[in-house]
Amino acid sequence: MDIFQKCFEYQTARDAIAGGYYPYFLPLTESEGTEVTYKGHRLIMCGSNNYLGLTTHPKVKEAAIKAIERFGTSCTGSRFLNGTLELHEQLEHKLAKWVKKDAALVFSTGMQVNLGTISALVGRGEYVVLDRDDHASIVDGARLGWGQIKRYRHNNMKDLEKALSSLPKEKGKMVVVDGLFSMEGDIAPLPEIVPICKKYGTRLMVDDAHAIGVLGGGRGTAVHFGMTDEVDLIMATFSKSFASLGGFIAGDEDVVHYIKHHARSLIFSASIPAPNAAAALASLEIMREEPERVERVNQIGEKMRSGYKAMGYDIGNSVTPVIPIIIGDDMRTFMIWKALFDAGVFVNPVLSPAVPPGRQLLRTSYMATHTEEQMDRVLDVFETVGKQVGVI
């Protein structure tokens, strides 16, 4: 049996390409934040994680350019060896302060944060407990570790307690949850999760990839609920509100020190280049100086949620600027995506296994820099397309 046989037989994506409804890997020729261009076709971008609209901010671009001029384009080594710059440590210090933790550690990507942190902490004979809607990077980090994985139904506290109560009291345990769930825009109920974790002697890690810049005045889910001291570890990425690339883990200094010396995805990966670190630093400063951006993106989220609900769309339990349009069928999801795309609105179609069967959706997300005119245009297009297709 040829191991490549499955590659030769895989036709799903090719069929979609031939049918004209393939929505992935679209090469954009221009991107100005709220608007993008694809083969001369101008679209309003409602599928980006650029929540604060900082990717085109002059201060962020200037910081990245100056960092290239000073440090070049790459560190050409891992953080463990020759790849640590003073810039990295400055960023770690300021990030820890921002999320109100003792220490932080910068990785090359957000995916690597979860892969390295979870696999380093959860050893043989220990347990990691996951929400069923947790991001794939959390699941993969759990699989890489030597511990056992338990999962509970999404945001179901009875099921979480059932999972924890079944585990040996003498064994190490950690619950890992998304703070803001990236597909359906709802939030982990930390005020309910924390007491359950304490009851069973379980540590808690919150993935704030999508919450930093959106919740808690931009500081994340723990600050949003006023529970920073009860959350043991906070991770986030730079590829969203920080307008860069990379990620970090923050927590007690001893724990971060341990991760620093045991996370394989940190030790065996080149560090983020200086311009990425500088861009993240500049973005963090803008978050401090311009809190109105966080307020604005949440105002836009409220406007769009209200607009979609009024039309009759199912937006699930979203309470954030991440708003799903739940369709529940593969082909209809593709059909609506294509109609929106042709009408000048860019959104993301999401199918199983990224969401459960029956929850296929269009993922929409918004930026603080979207204008009222752009949002009104998006709502008009959604109303027209929804009626044409018969979903509203």
Protein backbone atom coordinates (compact mmCIF):
# COMPACT_ATOMS: atom_id res chain seq x y z
CA MET A 1 0.00 0.00 0.00
CA ASP A 2 1.45 3.37 -1.07
CA ILE A 3 1.26 5.88 1.76
CA PHE A 4 0.55 8.56 -0.87
CA GLN A 5 -2.52 6.73 -2.19
CA LYS A 6 -4.88 8.83 -0.07
CA CYS A 7 -3.33 11.94 -1.63
CA PHE A 8 -3.96 10.69 -5.17
CA GLU A 9 -7.56 9.84 -4.29
CA TYR A 10 -8.41 13.09 -2.46
CA GLN A 11 -10.77 15.07 -4.72
CA THR A 12 -13.00 17.06 -2.37
CA ALA A 13 -11.14 20.36 -2.71
CA ARG A 14 -10.57 19.88 -6.46
CA ASP A 15 -14.30 19.33 -6.97
CA ALA A 16 -15.04 22.57 -5.10
CA ILE A 17 -12.46 24.45 -7.18
CA ALA A 18 -13.94 23.08 -10.41
CA GLY A 19 -17.44 23.98 -9.20
CA GLY A 20 -16.43 27.57 -8.44
CA TYR A 21 -17.28 27.48 -4.74
CA TYR A 22 -13.87 26.80 -3.17
CA PRO A 23 -13.45 29.46 -0.44
CA TYR A 24 -9.95 28.84 0.91
CA PHE A 25 -6.38 30.00 0.14
CA LEU A 26 -7.63 33.03 -1.79
CA PRO A 27 -4.57 35.17 -2.70
CA LEU A 28 -5.37 38.79 -1.89
CA THR A 29 -3.60 41.41 -3.99
CA GLU A 30 -4.26 44.28 -1.58
CA SER A 31 -5.25 44.57 2.07
CA GLU A 32 -6.08 47.86 3.73
CA GLY A 33 -7.55 46.43 6.90
CA THR A 34 -11.30 46.85 6.47
CA GLU A 35 -11.16 46.31 2.70
CA VAL A 36 -9.27 43.84 0.52
CA THR A 37 -8.89 43.11 -3.19
CA TYR A 38 -9.04 39.73 -4.90
CA LYS A 39 -8.34 39.72 -8.64
CA GLY A 40 -9.58 43.28 -8.93
CA HIS A 41 -12.71 42.56 -6.87
CA ARG A 42 -13.06 44.90 -3.89
CA LEU A 43 -14.55 43.44 -0.70
CA ILE A 44 -15.35 44.60 2.81
CA MET A 45 -13.32 42.34 5.10
CA CYS A 46 -15.53 40.68 7.72
CA GLY A 47 -13.38 37.62 8.17
CA SER A 48 -10.25 38.94 9.86
CA ASN A 49 -9.01 38.72 13.45
CA ASN A 50 -7.56 42.24 13.20
CA TYR A 51 -9.95 43.31 15.96
CA LEU A 52 -8.39 46.68 16.75
CA GLY A 53 -7.46 47.46 13.15
CA LEU A 54 -3.78 47.90 13.99
CA THR A 55 -2.15 46.08 11.04
CA THR A 56 -2.09 49.34 9.09
CA HIS A 57 -1.51 51.71 12.02
CA PRO A 58 1.42 54.07 11.23
CA LYS A 59 3.06 53.51 14.65
CA VAL A 60 2.99 49.73 14.23
CA LYS A 61 4.42 49.85 10.72
CA GLU A 62 7.09 52.33 11.76
CA ALA A 63 8.14 50.17 14.73
CA ALA A 64 8.52 47.11 12.49
CA ILE A 65 10.55 49.04 9.90
CA LYS A 66 12.91 50.46 12.53
CA ALA A 67 13.39 47.00 14.04
CA ILE A 68 14.40 45.60 10.65
CA GLU A 69 16.87 48.43 10.18
CA ARG A 70 18.43 47.72 13.59
CA PHE A 71 18.22 43.91 13.90
CA GLY A 72 17.62 42.62 10.38
CA THR A 73 14.90 40.22 9.24
CA SER A 74 15.56 37.14 11.41
CA CYS A 75 17.12 36.01 14.68
CA THR A 76 18.32 32.77 12.96
CA GLY A 77 18.10 30.75 16.14
CA SER A 78 15.90 29.61 18.99
CA ARG A 79 15.17 31.57 22.15
CA PHE A 80 17.10 28.87 23.99
CA LEU A 81 20.38 29.61 22.19
CA ASN A 82 21.18 32.73 20.16
CA GLY A 83 17.66 33.92 19.36
CA THR A 84 16.76 36.03 22.41
CA LEU A 85 16.89 39.81 21.98
CA GLU A 86 16.41 42.49 24.59
CA LEU A 87 13.33 43.32 22.56
CA HIS A 88 11.82 39.93 23.41
CA GLU A 89 12.39 40.44 27.12
CA GLN A 90 10.95 43.97 27.01
CA LEU A 91 7.86 42.57 25.34
CA GLU A 92 7.55 39.79 27.93
CA HIS A 93 7.79 42.25 30.82
CA LYS A 94 5.10 44.52 29.37
CA LEU A 95 2.80 41.64 28.44
CA ALA A 96 2.96 40.21 31.96
CA LYS A 97 2.05 43.61 33.35
CA TRP A 98 -0.80 43.99 30.83
CA VAL A 99 -2.50 40.72 31.83
CA LYS A 100 -1.56 41.23 35.49
CA LYS A 101 0.70 38.21 35.91
CA ASP A 102 4.22 37.77 37.32
CA ALA A 103 5.96 36.69 34.13
CA ALA A 104 5.43 36.00 30.44
CA LEU A 105 7.23 34.00 27.78
CA VAL A 106 7.11 34.77 24.04
CA PHE A 107 6.84 31.96 21.47
CA SER A 108 7.07 32.10 17.68
CA THR A 109 3.35 31.43 17.10
CA GLY A 110 0.21 31.04 19.15
CA MET A 111 -0.05 27.42 18.04
CA GLN A 112 3.39 26.80 19.52
CA VAL A 113 2.36 28.36 22.84
CA ASN A 114 -0.33 25.76 23.32
CA LEU A 115 1.69 22.88 21.91
CA GLY A 116 4.66 23.67 24.15
CA THR A 117 2.92 24.77 27.33
CA ILE A 118 0.35 21.99 27.65
CA SER A 119 2.70 19.18 26.63
CA ALA A 120 5.37 20.47 29.04
CA LEU A 121 3.04 20.68 32.03
CA VAL A 122 0.86 17.59 31.65
CA GLY A 123 3.01 14.55 32.28
CA ARG A 124 2.52 10.82 32.51
CA GLY A 125 -0.24 9.90 34.96
CA GLU A 126 -1.66 13.45 34.92
CA TYR A 127 -4.80 14.83 33.28
CA VAL A 128 -5.79 17.69 30.99
CA VAL A 129 -9.48 18.53 30.76
CA LEU A 130 -10.80 20.35 27.68
CA ASP A 131 -14.00 22.02 26.57
CA ARG A 132 -15.26 20.23 23.43
CA ASP A 133 -15.14 23.55 21.53
CA ASP A 134 -11.53 24.30 22.45
CA HIS A 135 -9.25 25.39 19.62
CA ALA A 136 -7.34 22.72 17.69
CA SER A 137 -4.03 23.99 19.09
CA ILE A 138 -5.22 23.16 22.62
CA VAL A 139 -6.29 19.69 21.56
CA ASP A 140 -2.98 19.07 19.78
CA GLY A 141 -1.00 20.34 22.77
CA ALA A 142 -2.90 17.89 24.98
CA ARG A 143 -2.21 15.04 22.55
CA LEU A 144 1.51 15.81 22.54
CA GLY A 145 1.75 15.47 26.30
CA TRP A 146 2.05 12.15 28.12
CA GLY A 147 -1.07 12.74 30.20
CA GLN A 148 -4.64 11.62 29.64
CA ILE A 149 -7.29 13.81 28.00
CA LYS A 150 -10.82 14.29 29.28
CA ARG A 151 -13.40 16.44 27.49
CA TYR A 152 -16.68 17.99 28.60
CA ARG A 153 -19.64 19.43 26.72
CA HIS A 154 -19.22 23.05 25.70
CA ASN A 155 -19.66 25.45 28.62
CA ASN A 156 -21.56 22.73 30.49
CA MET A 157 -20.56 23.03 34.13
CA LYS A 158 -22.30 19.84 35.23
CA ASP A 159 -20.32 17.91 32.65
CA LEU A 160 -17.10 19.64 33.71
CA GLU A 161 -17.67 18.68 37.33
CA LYS A 162 -18.53 15.13 36.29
CA ALA A 163 -15.25 14.88 34.39
CA LEU A 164 -13.16 16.26 37.27
CA SER A 165 -14.90 14.19 39.94
CA SER A 166 -13.99 11.02 38.05
CA LEU A 167 -10.25 11.71 38.24
CA PRO A 168 -7.91 10.50 41.01
CA LYS A 169 -7.51 13.12 43.72
CA GLU A 170 -3.78 12.53 44.04
CA LYS A 171 -3.04 13.16 40.34
CA GLY A 172 -2.16 16.49 38.75
CA LYS A 173 -4.94 18.08 36.70
CA MET A 174 -5.35 21.14 34.47
CA VAL A 175 -8.42 22.54 32.72
CA VAL A 176 -7.76 24.45 29.50
CA VAL A 177 -10.46 26.62 27.92
CA ASP A 178 -10.77 29.32 25.30
CA GLY A 179 -11.69 32.61 26.91
CA LEU A 180 -13.51 33.83 23.82
CA PHE A 181 -14.46 30.89 21.60
CA SER A 182 -13.25 31.65 18.11
CA MET A 183 -16.05 30.10 16.05
CA GLU A 184 -19.24 31.10 17.86
CA GLY A 185 -18.14 34.20 19.76
CA ASP A 186 -19.31 33.12 23.23
CA ILE A 187 -17.26 33.35 26.43
CA ALA A 188 -16.07 30.75 28.93
CA PRO A 189 -18.01 31.27 32.22
CA LEU A 190 -14.99 31.70 34.47
CA PRO A 191 -17.09 32.60 37.55
CA GLU A 192 -18.53 29.07 37.31
CA ILE A 193 -15.38 27.27 36.13
CA VAL A 194 -13.05 28.62 38.83
CA PRO A 195 -14.98 27.25 41.88
CA ILE A 196 -15.20 23.82 40.27
CA CYS A 197 -11.47 23.81 39.57
CA LYS A 198 -10.73 24.82 43.16
CA LYS A 199 -13.05 22.14 44.50
CA TYR A 200 -11.04 19.43 42.72
CA GLY A 201 -7.57 20.94 43.11
CA THR A 202 -7.27 21.65 39.39
CA ARG A 203 -5.16 24.31 37.71
CA LEU A 204 -6.79 26.54 35.06
CA MET A 205 -5.31 27.81 31.79
CA VAL A 206 -7.23 30.28 29.61
CA ASP A 207 -6.52 30.71 25.90
CA ASP A 208 -7.15 34.41 25.26
CA ALA A 209 -6.07 34.46 21.62
CA HIS A 210 -9.32 36.16 20.62
CA ALA A 211 -10.10 37.87 23.94
CA ILE A 212 -7.02 40.10 24.24
CA GLY A 213 -7.96 43.42 22.67
CA VAL A 214 -11.67 42.63 22.97
CA LEU A 215 -12.59 41.70 26.57
CA GLY A 216 -11.63 43.25 29.88
CA GLY A 217 -10.65 46.59 28.37
CA GLY A 218 -8.35 44.65 26.06
CA ARG A 219 -6.67 42.68 28.86
CA GLY A 220 -8.67 39.49 28.37
CA THR A 221 -11.26 37.20 29.89
CA ALA A 222 -9.83 37.03 33.42
CA VAL A 223 -9.89 40.82 33.76
CA HIS A 224 -13.34 40.90 32.16
CA PHE A 225 -14.65 38.78 35.05
CA GLY A 226 -12.33 40.27 37.69
CA MET A 227 -10.74 36.85 38.26
CA THR A 228 -7.10 37.31 37.26
CA ASP A 229 -5.78 35.88 40.52
CA GLU A 230 -7.92 32.74 40.10
CA VAL A 231 -6.66 31.96 36.59
CA ASP A 232 -3.27 30.22 36.71
CA LEU A 233 -2.11 30.66 33.12
CA ILE A 234 -3.11 33.05 30.33
CA MET A 235 -2.01 32.64 26.74
CA ALA A 236 -2.60 34.86 23.73
CA THR A 237 -1.40 35.37 20.19
CA PHE A 238 0.07 38.33 18.35
CA SER A 239 -1.69 37.50 15.09
CA LYS A 240 -4.97 39.14 16.07
CA SER A 241 -5.24 42.32 18.15
CA PHE A 242 -1.44 42.66 18.32
CA ALA A 243 -1.17 42.95 14.50
CA SER A 244 1.90 40.73 14.33
CA LEU A 245 2.92 37.08 14.56
CA GLY A 246 3.78 35.07 17.67
CA GLY A 247 2.25 34.40 21.06
CA PHE A 248 2.90 34.24 24.79
CA ILE A 249 2.08 32.42 28.01
CA ALA A 250 1.81 34.32 31.30
CA GLY A 251 1.56 33.16 34.90
CA ASP A 252 3.59 32.66 38.08
CA GLU A 253 7.32 33.14 37.54
CA ASP A 254 8.21 29.60 38.66
CA VAL A 255 5.73 28.06 36.23
CA VAL A 256 6.85 30.23 33.32
CA HIS A 257 10.48 29.40 34.16
CA TYR A 258 9.66 25.69 33.99
CA ILE A 259 7.87 26.07 30.64
CA LYS A 260 10.84 28.04 29.33
CA HIS A 261 13.11 25.04 29.92
CA HIS A 262 10.72 22.25 28.90
CA ALA A 263 8.51 23.48 26.04
CA ARG A 264 9.86 21.77 22.93
CA SER A 265 8.06 24.14 20.54
CA LEU A 266 10.03 27.00 22.12
CA ILE A 267 13.38 25.27 22.42
CA PHE A 268 13.41 23.86 18.90
CA SER A 269 11.92 26.80 16.95
CA ALA A 270 13.53 30.01 15.80
CA SER A 271 12.41 33.03 17.77
CA ILE A 272 10.08 35.64 16.30
CA PRO A 273 12.00 38.23 14.24
CA ALA A 274 12.59 41.67 15.69
CA PRO A 275 9.98 43.41 13.50
CA ASN A 276 7.28 41.07 14.81
CA ALA A 277 8.28 41.74 18.41
CA ALA A 278 8.43 45.49 17.76
CA ALA A 279 5.02 45.47 16.08
CA ALA A 280 3.52 43.64 19.06
CA LEU A 281 5.12 46.13 21.46
CA ALA A 282 3.77 49.08 19.47
CA SER A 283 0.30 47.52 19.37
CA LEU A 284 0.37 47.03 23.14
CA GLU A 285 1.22 50.71 23.60
CA ILE A 286 -1.67 51.72 21.36
CA MET A 287 -4.05 49.55 23.40
CA ARG A 288 -2.96 51.50 26.48
CA GLU A 289 -3.14 54.90 24.79
CA GLU A 290 -6.33 54.38 22.78
CA PRO A 291 -8.80 52.36 24.90
CA GLU A 292 -11.57 53.69 22.68
CA ARG A 293 -10.56 51.11 20.07
CA VAL A 294 -11.68 48.30 22.39
CA GLU A 295 -14.92 50.15 23.09
CA ARG A 296 -15.45 50.72 19.36
CA VAL A 297 -15.01 47.08 18.27
CA ASN A 298 -17.52 45.99 20.91
CA GLN A 299 -19.99 48.68 19.82
CA ILE A 300 -19.71 47.39 16.26
CA GLY A 301 -20.22 43.84 17.49
CA GLU A 302 -23.41 44.89 19.27
CA LYS A 303 -24.69 46.66 16.15
CA MET A 304 -24.05 43.67 13.91
CA ARG A 305 -25.54 41.14 16.34
CA SER A 306 -28.70 43.23 16.59
CA GLY A 307 -28.86 43.61 12.83
CA TYR A 308 -28.52 39.90 12.10
CA LYS A 309 -31.04 38.96 14.79
CA ALA A 310 -33.55 41.44 13.41
CA MET A 311 -33.26 39.81 9.99
CA GLY A 312 -33.87 36.36 11.46
CA TYR A 313 -30.36 34.89 11.27
CA ASP A 314 -29.25 32.38 13.91
CA ILE A 315 -26.15 33.84 15.59
CA GLY A 316 -25.96 31.33 18.42
CA ASN A 317 -24.79 32.66 21.78
CA SER A 318 -22.34 35.28 20.53
CA VAL A 319 -21.78 38.26 22.84
CA THR A 320 -18.63 39.55 21.12
CA PRO A 321 -17.44 40.94 17.76
CA VAL A 322 -17.06 37.31 16.61
CA ILE A 323 -20.50 36.56 15.21
CA PRO A 324 -21.44 33.23 13.60
CA ILE A 325 -24.18 32.96 11.02
CA ILE A 326 -25.27 29.37 11.62
CA ILE A 327 -26.43 27.62 8.45
CA GLY A 328 -26.22 23.92 9.38
CA ASP A 329 -25.47 22.51 5.93
CA ASP A 330 -22.24 22.27 3.91
CA MET A 331 -23.48 23.19 0.45
CA ARG A 332 -25.81 25.93 1.62
CA THR A 333 -22.94 27.42 3.63
CA PHE A 334 -20.78 27.46 0.50
CA MET A 335 -23.67 28.86 -1.57
CA ILE A 336 -24.26 31.79 0.79
CA TRP A 337 -20.52 32.44 1.14
CA LYS A 338 -20.19 32.69 -2.67
CA ALA A 339 -23.17 35.03 -2.99
CA LEU A 340 -21.76 37.30 -0.25
CA PHE A 341 -18.31 37.21 -1.86
CA ASP A 342 -19.69 38.16 -5.26
CA ALA A 343 -21.61 41.02 -3.63
CA GLY A 344 -18.42 42.37 -2.02
CA VAL A 345 -18.43 40.92 1.52
CA PHE A 346 -15.62 38.62 2.70
CA VAL A 347 -16.56 36.10 5.43
CA ASN A 348 -15.26 32.66 6.39
CA PRO A 349 -17.21 29.44 5.78
CA VAL A 350 -16.61 26.92 8.58
CA LEU A 351 -17.50 23.24 8.29
CA SER A 352 -16.96 20.10 10.38
CA PRO A 353 -14.61 19.20 12.07
CA ALA A 354 -13.97 22.86 12.98
CA VAL A 355 -17.60 22.92 14.17
CA PRO A 356 -19.92 20.01 15.03
CA PRO A 357 -22.12 18.57 12.26
CA GLY A 358 -25.29 20.63 12.01
CA ARG A 359 -23.46 23.78 13.15
CA GLN A 360 -21.85 24.69 9.83
CA LEU A 361 -21.57 28.46 9.79
CA LEU A 362 -20.25 31.65 8.29
CA ARG A 363 -17.78 33.15 10.73
CA THR A 364 -17.91 36.94 10.71
CA SER A 365 -15.64 39.17 12.78
CA TYR A 366 -15.19 42.91 12.99
CA MET A 367 -12.60 45.62 13.48
CA ALA A 368 -12.57 48.85 15.42
CA THR A 369 -11.77 50.60 12.12
CA HIS A 370 -14.89 49.48 10.26
CA THR A 371 -17.03 52.50 9.36
CA GLU A 372 -20.77 52.84 9.86
CA GLU A 373 -21.18 52.96 6.08
CA GLN A 374 -19.30 49.68 5.67
CA MET A 375 -21.35 47.94 8.34
CA ASP A 376 -24.63 49.21 6.88
CA ARG A 377 -23.51 47.90 3.49
CA VAL A 378 -22.67 44.48 4.99
CA LEU A 379 -26.08 44.23 6.65
CA ASP A 380 -27.81 45.20 3.39
CA VAL A 381 -25.91 42.50 1.50
CA PHE A 382 -26.68 39.87 4.15
CA GLU A 383 -30.37 40.73 4.00
CA THR A 384 -30.48 40.52 0.20
CA VAL A 385 -28.53 37.26 0.03
CA GLY A 386 -30.40 35.66 2.92
CA LYS A 387 -33.74 36.29 1.26
CA GLN A 388 -32.48 35.07 -2.11
CA VAL A 389 -31.23 31.81 -0.64
CA GLY A 390 -34.20 31.39 1.68
CA VAL A 391 -32.46 31.32 5.07
CA ILE A 392 -34.30 34.37 6.40
